[in-house]
Amino acid sequence: MPWANNNSDLANYMFLMTTDNLSLSARDEYILTKISLAGCGLSIVGSLLSVFLICYVPIRSDGLFSIGNLCFALLSAQLAFAGAENAFPVQVMCKISAAILHYLFLTFHCWALAYSIHLVMKLFHVLPGLRWKRRCILVAVGWVAPVIIVAVTAVIDADSYEAGRLCWLSEKTNARWAFVGPVTFIMIVNFAVMILMLGMRYLLDTKREYMPLKKLKHMAAIVCTLWPVSSLPWAFGLARSNDRLPMYIFVVLNSGQGLFIFLFHMLLSAQIRSLLRTRMNGEGEPPAGNEMHMSKSGSTGPSNDATESSIVNVGCGMKNIASRRG
């Protein structure tokens, strides 16, 4: 089984977020393992389709650049998760596999942080017109930061990566906090960014005197678009190990995360569908300066690229309100 050394334990996503030994009944182990592997299969397909669409349609925004890298990192992590069983019987390979898994799953979360950084930079117009500098920041957060964390973990304690019962970070030396700690920090930051987006969206809608139902639609659109790429579903992994419901929610949501990203960011995106039809009809690419071509009128659902449209609307709206006050 994946993530099991000498077949002593089953592999499931819950092991990623536990800081001590996880005690499960044989039935729970079996069900969670099947859900994890089935979810990974669907997630791999979703991630592949997302990466294909991002590469195929003519969009050059920092947002989809971050989402594309996030999907590639998730795809790599879940392929490693599903295929690492061949390395586990050998102790050295087991430790190497654990380090690779640590890096790849950290990379996924760091790209979730990079996407939140992109949203904040877009909202406050940070480094306008300097795409390469913005991309350097995003790449440093997404790909370089996990290298530093894994290297420091290995240098501080050579036995951080366990080759015993489970091929993962050792719970004996509290090394699992090298994964759980950064992920928890990223979840807190991303939650704060989501609250910022919701708060400013609500403030702008109030200034425009929108009806409560329209406000609610805008808020729901932001939440539905952000939660698959925010790492927030991983918070269920922080629940106590004897709480079965959060455990099952955690495994279902996170093992299939690539599928949810494909649904909310690709399949339900009117912009992606429109550009895909344009590309397939051979009408060429839009002008380079028209990166996202987002409507200023305000989105009411995830199918209309609500998050980034809302950011544009919030930024422009708050700027206009501030200028009128001045």
Protein backbone atom coordinates (compact mmCIF):
# COMPACT_ATOMS: atom_id res chain seq x y z
CA MET A 1 0.00 0.00 0.00
CA PRO A 2 1.22 3.57 -0.55
CA TRP A 3 2.78 5.25 2.44
CA ALA A 4 3.11 1.91 4.23
CA ASN A 5 6.47 0.37 5.03
CA ASN A 6 6.31 -3.43 5.03
CA ASN A 7 2.52 -3.20 4.71
CA SER A 8 2.14 -2.40 8.40
CA ASP A 9 -0.24 0.50 7.87
CA LEU A 10 -2.70 1.81 5.35
CA ALA A 11 -2.17 5.08 3.57
CA ASN A 12 -4.67 7.90 3.75
CA TYR A 13 -4.57 11.66 3.77
CA MET A 14 -5.08 11.89 7.53
CA PHE A 15 -1.45 10.94 8.12
CA LEU A 16 -0.37 14.20 6.51
CA MET A 17 -1.80 16.40 9.26
CA THR A 18 -1.41 14.27 12.37
CA THR A 19 1.39 15.13 14.79
CA ASP A 20 1.26 11.79 16.61
CA ASN A 21 0.29 8.21 15.90
CA LEU A 22 -3.16 7.97 14.36
CA SER A 23 -5.24 5.19 15.85
CA LEU A 24 -7.97 4.02 13.49
CA SER A 25 -10.18 0.98 13.38
CA ALA A 26 -9.56 -1.48 10.56
CA ARG A 27 -12.83 -0.41 8.94
CA ASP A 28 -11.94 3.30 9.06
CA GLU A 29 -8.46 2.60 7.72
CA TYR A 30 -9.91 0.65 4.80
CA ILE A 31 -12.57 3.25 3.94
CA LEU A 32 -10.25 6.26 4.29
CA THR A 33 -7.59 4.59 2.17
CA LYS A 34 -10.08 3.82 -0.59
CA ILE A 35 -11.42 7.40 -0.46
CA SER A 36 -7.87 8.79 -0.56
CA LEU A 37 -6.85 6.77 -3.60
CA ALA A 38 -10.14 7.33 -5.44
CA GLY A 39 -9.98 11.05 -4.64
CA CYS A 40 -6.38 11.23 -5.82
CA GLY A 41 -7.39 9.61 -9.12
CA LEU A 42 -10.13 12.19 -9.71
CA SER A 43 -7.86 14.99 -8.52
CA ILE A 44 -5.07 13.96 -10.90
CA VAL A 45 -7.52 14.06 -13.81
CA GLY A 46 -8.84 17.46 -12.70
CA SER A 47 -5.34 18.88 -12.26
CA LEU A 48 -4.27 17.62 -15.68
CA LEU A 49 -7.29 19.19 -17.33
CA SER A 50 -6.72 22.47 -15.48
CA VAL A 51 -3.07 22.66 -16.52
CA PHE A 52 -4.03 21.81 -20.11
CA LEU A 53 -6.67 24.55 -20.23
CA ILE A 54 -4.36 27.16 -18.73
CA CYS A 55 -1.70 26.32 -21.30
CA TYR A 56 -4.19 26.13 -24.17
CA VAL A 57 -6.31 29.25 -23.75
CA PRO A 58 -4.63 32.64 -24.33
CA ILE A 59 -4.63 34.01 -20.76
CA ARG A 60 -1.49 35.48 -19.22
CA SER A 61 -2.73 36.71 -15.84
CA ASP A 62 -0.76 36.24 -12.63
CA GLY A 63 -3.83 34.59 -11.14
CA LEU A 64 -3.93 31.73 -13.63
CA PHE A 65 -0.13 31.56 -13.53
CA SER A 66 -0.46 30.82 -9.80
CA ILE A 67 -3.35 28.39 -10.29
CA GLY A 68 -1.42 26.56 -13.02
CA ASN A 69 1.61 26.11 -10.80
CA LEU A 70 -0.64 25.11 -7.89
CA CYS A 71 -2.30 22.43 -10.04
CA PHE A 72 1.08 21.17 -11.28
CA ALA A 73 2.36 20.94 -7.69
CA LEU A 74 -0.79 19.12 -6.58
CA LEU A 75 -0.56 16.78 -9.56
CA SER A 76 3.07 15.96 -8.74
CA ALA A 77 2.31 15.43 -5.04
CA GLN A 78 -0.59 13.09 -5.67
CA LEU A 79 1.28 11.10 -8.29
CA ALA A 80 4.09 10.70 -5.76
CA PHE A 81 1.53 9.74 -3.10
CA ALA A 82 -0.04 7.10 -5.34
CA GLY A 83 3.22 5.70 -6.73
CA ALA A 84 5.61 5.82 -3.79
CA GLU A 85 4.85 2.24 -2.64
CA ASN A 86 7.61 0.85 -4.86
CA ALA A 87 10.24 2.79 -2.87
CA PHE A 88 9.04 1.99 0.61
CA PRO A 89 10.50 -1.49 1.20
CA VAL A 90 14.01 0.04 1.06
CA GLN A 91 14.77 2.29 4.06
CA VAL A 92 16.93 4.79 2.16
CA MET A 93 14.36 5.10 -0.60
CA CYS A 94 11.65 5.36 2.03
CA LYS A 95 13.33 8.43 3.54
CA ILE A 96 13.91 9.96 0.12
CA SER A 97 10.26 9.37 -0.78
CA ALA A 98 9.15 10.99 2.47
CA ALA A 99 11.32 14.06 1.76
CA ILE A 100 9.94 14.32 -1.79
CA LEU A 101 6.37 14.06 -0.53
CA HIS A 102 7.12 16.68 2.12
CA TYR A 103 8.44 19.06 -0.53
CA LEU A 104 5.65 18.50 -3.05
CA PHE A 105 2.76 18.88 -0.61
CA LEU A 106 4.43 21.95 0.89
CA THR A 107 4.77 23.35 -2.63
CA PHE A 108 1.04 22.97 -3.18
CA HIS A 109 0.28 24.91 0.00
CA CYS A 110 2.91 27.55 -0.76
CA TRP A 111 1.29 28.15 -4.16
CA ALA A 112 -2.02 28.56 -2.33
CA LEU A 113 -0.25 31.27 -0.31
CA ALA A 114 1.19 32.74 -3.52
CA TYR A 115 -2.31 33.00 -4.97
CA SER A 116 -3.46 34.95 -1.91
CA ILE A 117 -0.42 37.21 -2.28
CA HIS A 118 -1.44 37.75 -5.92
CA LEU A 119 -4.95 38.75 -4.82
CA VAL A 120 -3.59 41.26 -2.31
CA MET A 121 -1.14 42.71 -4.86
CA LYS A 122 -3.99 43.01 -7.37
CA LEU A 123 -6.27 44.64 -4.83
CA PHE A 124 -3.72 47.24 -3.72
CA HIS A 125 -2.06 47.66 -7.15
CA VAL A 126 1.38 46.47 -6.04
CA LEU A 127 4.08 46.58 -8.75
CA PRO A 128 1.70 47.58 -11.57
CA GLY A 129 3.16 46.96 -14.99
CA LEU A 130 6.07 44.90 -13.59
CA ARG A 131 4.85 41.40 -14.27
CA TRP A 132 8.28 39.79 -14.06
CA LYS A 133 8.83 41.15 -10.53
CA ARG A 134 5.42 39.90 -9.43
CA ARG A 135 6.14 36.51 -10.96
CA CYS A 136 9.51 36.34 -9.19
CA ILE A 137 7.78 36.91 -5.86
CA LEU A 138 5.21 34.22 -6.60
CA VAL A 139 7.83 31.70 -7.73
CA ALA A 140 9.98 32.38 -4.67
CA VAL A 141 7.01 31.71 -2.41
CA GLY A 142 5.72 28.71 -4.36
CA TRP A 143 8.84 26.77 -5.30
CA VAL A 144 11.79 28.13 -3.30
CA ALA A 145 10.31 28.42 0.19
CA PRO A 146 9.48 24.67 0.41
CA VAL A 147 13.08 23.82 -0.53
CA ILE A 148 14.29 25.88 2.44
CA ILE A 149 11.83 24.21 4.83
CA VAL A 150 12.76 20.69 3.70
CA ALA A 151 16.50 21.45 3.82
CA VAL A 152 16.29 22.95 7.31
CA THR A 153 14.22 19.98 8.49
CA ALA A 154 16.79 17.49 7.19
CA VAL A 155 19.78 19.45 8.55
CA ILE A 156 18.35 19.96 12.05
CA ASP A 157 17.59 16.27 12.50
CA ALA A 158 18.77 13.58 10.09
CA ASP A 159 16.06 11.26 11.42
CA SER A 160 13.23 13.67 10.65
CA TYR A 161 12.15 11.44 7.78
CA GLU A 162 11.11 8.12 9.24
CA ALA A 163 11.77 4.78 7.60
CA GLY A 164 9.96 2.67 10.15
CA ARG A 165 6.26 2.01 10.47
CA LEU A 166 5.33 4.92 8.25
CA CYS A 167 7.36 6.63 5.53
CA TRP A 168 6.68 10.20 6.56
CA LEU A 169 7.98 12.78 9.01
CA SER A 170 8.72 11.23 12.37
CA GLU A 171 6.29 11.83 15.22
CA LYS A 172 8.95 10.86 17.77
CA THR A 173 10.99 14.04 17.22
CA ASN A 174 8.00 16.30 16.49
CA ALA A 175 9.31 16.59 12.93
CA ARG A 176 5.76 16.50 11.58
CA TRP A 177 5.41 20.10 12.67
CA ALA A 178 7.75 20.89 9.75
CA PHE A 179 4.68 20.22 7.61
CA VAL A 180 1.75 20.93 9.92
CA GLY A 181 3.27 24.22 11.14
CA PRO A 182 3.75 25.87 7.71
CA VAL A 183 0.38 24.58 6.50
CA THR A 184 -1.35 26.02 9.58
CA PHE A 185 0.38 29.37 9.04
CA ILE A 186 -0.70 29.40 5.37
CA MET A 187 -4.28 28.57 6.32
CA ILE A 188 -4.36 31.49 8.77
CA VAL A 189 -2.95 33.93 6.19
CA ASN A 190 -5.31 32.71 3.46
CA PHE A 191 -8.29 32.91 5.81
CA ALA A 192 -7.33 36.51 6.63
CA VAL A 193 -7.11 37.30 2.89
CA MET A 194 -10.53 35.77 2.32
CA ILE A 195 -12.00 37.86 5.15
CA LEU A 196 -10.33 40.95 3.61
CA MET A 197 -11.87 40.19 0.22
CA LEU A 198 -15.30 39.59 1.74
CA GLY A 199 -15.11 42.71 3.90
CA MET A 200 -14.11 45.02 1.08
CA ARG A 201 -16.65 43.46 -1.26
CA TYR A 202 -19.38 44.03 1.33
CA LEU A 203 -18.23 47.61 1.94
CA LEU A 204 -18.30 48.40 -1.77
CA ASP A 205 -21.70 46.76 -2.26
CA THR A 206 -23.03 48.76 0.68
CA LYS A 207 -21.72 51.99 -0.81
CA ARG A 208 -23.44 51.10 -4.07
CA GLU A 209 -26.65 50.33 -2.16
CA TYR A 210 -27.04 46.84 -3.58
CA MET A 211 -29.89 44.66 -2.35
CA PRO A 212 -29.02 42.07 0.36
CA LEU A 213 -29.51 39.17 -2.06
CA LYS A 214 -26.97 40.60 -4.51
CA LYS A 215 -24.52 41.16 -1.64
CA LEU A 216 -24.98 37.56 -0.58
CA LYS A 217 -24.37 36.33 -4.13
CA HIS A 218 -21.13 38.30 -4.35
CA MET A 219 -19.93 36.94 -1.01
CA ALA A 220 -20.89 33.36 -1.88
CA ALA A 221 -19.10 33.67 -5.23
CA ILE A 222 -15.87 34.75 -3.54
CA VAL A 223 -16.05 31.91 -0.99
CA CYS A 224 -16.85 29.27 -3.64
CA THR A 225 -13.98 30.43 -5.81
CA LEU A 226 -11.38 30.77 -3.08
CA TRP A 227 -11.89 27.76 -0.86
CA PRO A 228 -10.46 25.11 -3.25
CA VAL A 229 -7.18 27.06 -3.64
CA SER A 230 -6.83 28.48 -0.13
CA SER A 231 -5.73 25.36 1.83
CA LEU A 232 -8.62 26.07 4.21
CA PRO A 233 -10.17 22.57 3.85
CA TRP A 234 -6.97 21.23 5.44
CA ALA A 235 -8.14 22.73 8.73
CA PHE A 236 -10.26 19.60 9.21
CA GLY A 237 -7.00 17.69 9.61
CA LEU A 238 -6.29 19.58 12.82
CA ALA A 239 -9.29 17.97 14.53
CA ARG A 240 -8.64 15.36 17.19
CA SER A 241 -7.96 11.90 15.80
CA ASN A 242 -11.01 10.40 17.53
CA ASP A 243 -13.38 12.79 15.73
CA ARG A 244 -14.50 10.70 12.78
CA LEU A 245 -16.65 13.24 10.93
CA PRO A 246 -13.89 15.89 10.46
CA MET A 247 -11.56 13.07 9.48
CA TYR A 248 -13.83 11.90 6.67
CA ILE A 249 -14.54 15.48 5.54
CA PHE A 250 -10.80 16.15 5.44
CA VAL A 251 -10.03 13.11 3.30
CA VAL A 252 -12.94 13.68 0.88
CA LEU A 253 -12.24 17.39 0.34
CA ASN A 254 -8.47 17.26 0.10
CA SER A 255 -7.84 14.02 -1.76
CA GLY A 256 -10.10 15.34 -4.54
CA GLN A 257 -8.91 18.93 -4.45
CA GLY A 258 -7.71 18.97 -8.05
CA LEU A 259 -11.21 18.09 -9.22
CA PHE A 260 -12.73 20.95 -7.21
CA ILE A 261 -10.20 23.39 -8.65
CA PHE A 262 -11.08 22.24 -12.17
CA LEU A 263 -14.80 22.66 -11.48
CA PHE A 264 -14.70 26.08 -9.80
CA HIS A 265 -11.81 27.72 -11.67
CA MET A 266 -12.10 26.13 -15.10
CA LEU A 267 -15.34 24.37 -15.95
CA LEU A 268 -17.61 27.01 -14.38
CA SER A 269 -15.55 29.93 -15.64
CA ALA A 270 -17.41 31.85 -18.35
CA GLN A 271 -14.15 33.50 -19.33
CA ILE A 272 -12.33 30.21 -19.82
CA ARG A 273 -15.21 28.77 -21.83
CA SER A 274 -15.39 31.88 -24.02
CA LEU A 275 -11.66 31.91 -24.71
CA LEU A 276 -11.66 28.17 -25.32
CA ARG A 277 -14.36 28.62 -27.98
CA THR A 278 -12.32 31.48 -29.47
CA ARG A 279 -9.19 29.35 -29.61
CA MET A 280 -10.98 26.35 -31.08
CA ASN A 281 -12.63 28.54 -33.72
CA GLY A 282 -9.21 29.83 -34.76
CA GLU A 283 -9.94 33.48 -34.03
CA GLY A 284 -6.50 34.09 -32.55
CA GLU A 285 -5.38 35.48 -29.24
CA PRO A 286 -6.64 38.65 -27.57
CA PRO A 287 -4.27 41.61 -27.31
CA ALA A 288 -1.40 41.09 -24.90
CA GLY A 289 -2.45 44.00 -22.73
CA ASN A 290 -5.88 42.48 -22.16
CA GLU A 291 -4.69 39.96 -19.60
CA MET A 292 -7.95 39.01 -17.97
CA HIS A 293 -10.56 41.03 -19.87
CA MET A 294 -12.77 41.09 -16.79
CA SER A 295 -16.05 42.90 -16.61
CA LYS A 296 -16.32 45.93 -14.35
CA SER A 297 -20.01 45.39 -13.76
CA GLY A 298 -19.63 42.90 -10.95
CA SER A 299 -19.95 39.13 -10.87
CA THR A 300 -22.69 37.22 -9.15
CA GLY A 301 -21.36 33.69 -9.17
CA PRO A 302 -18.28 31.53 -9.57
CA SER A 303 -19.18 30.99 -13.22
CA ASN A 304 -18.28 34.63 -13.91
CA ASP A 305 -14.75 34.66 -12.46
CA ALA A 306 -16.14 36.27 -9.34
CA THR A 307 -13.01 36.52 -7.26
CA GLU A 308 -10.74 38.44 -9.62
CA SER A 309 -13.64 40.42 -11.07
CA SER A 310 -14.62 41.39 -7.56
CA ILE A 311 -11.06 42.44 -6.78
CA VAL A 312 -11.01 44.72 -9.81
CA ASN A 313 -14.40 46.11 -8.83
CA VAL A 314 -13.44 46.54 -5.18
CA GLY A 315 -10.15 48.24 -6.03
CA CYS A 316 -11.70 50.63 -8.54
CA GLY A 317 -14.77 51.24 -6.41
CA MET A 318 -12.82 52.00 -3.25
CA LYS A 319 -10.51 54.31 -5.21
CA ASN A 320 -13.51 56.23 -6.61
CA ILE A 321 -15.13 56.47 -3.18
CA ALA A 322 -11.89 57.75 -1.66
CA SER A 323 -11.46 60.33 -4.45
CA ARG A 324 -15.00 61.61 -3.94
CA ARG A 325 -14.37 61.97 -0.22
CA GLY A 326 -11.18 63.91 -0.99
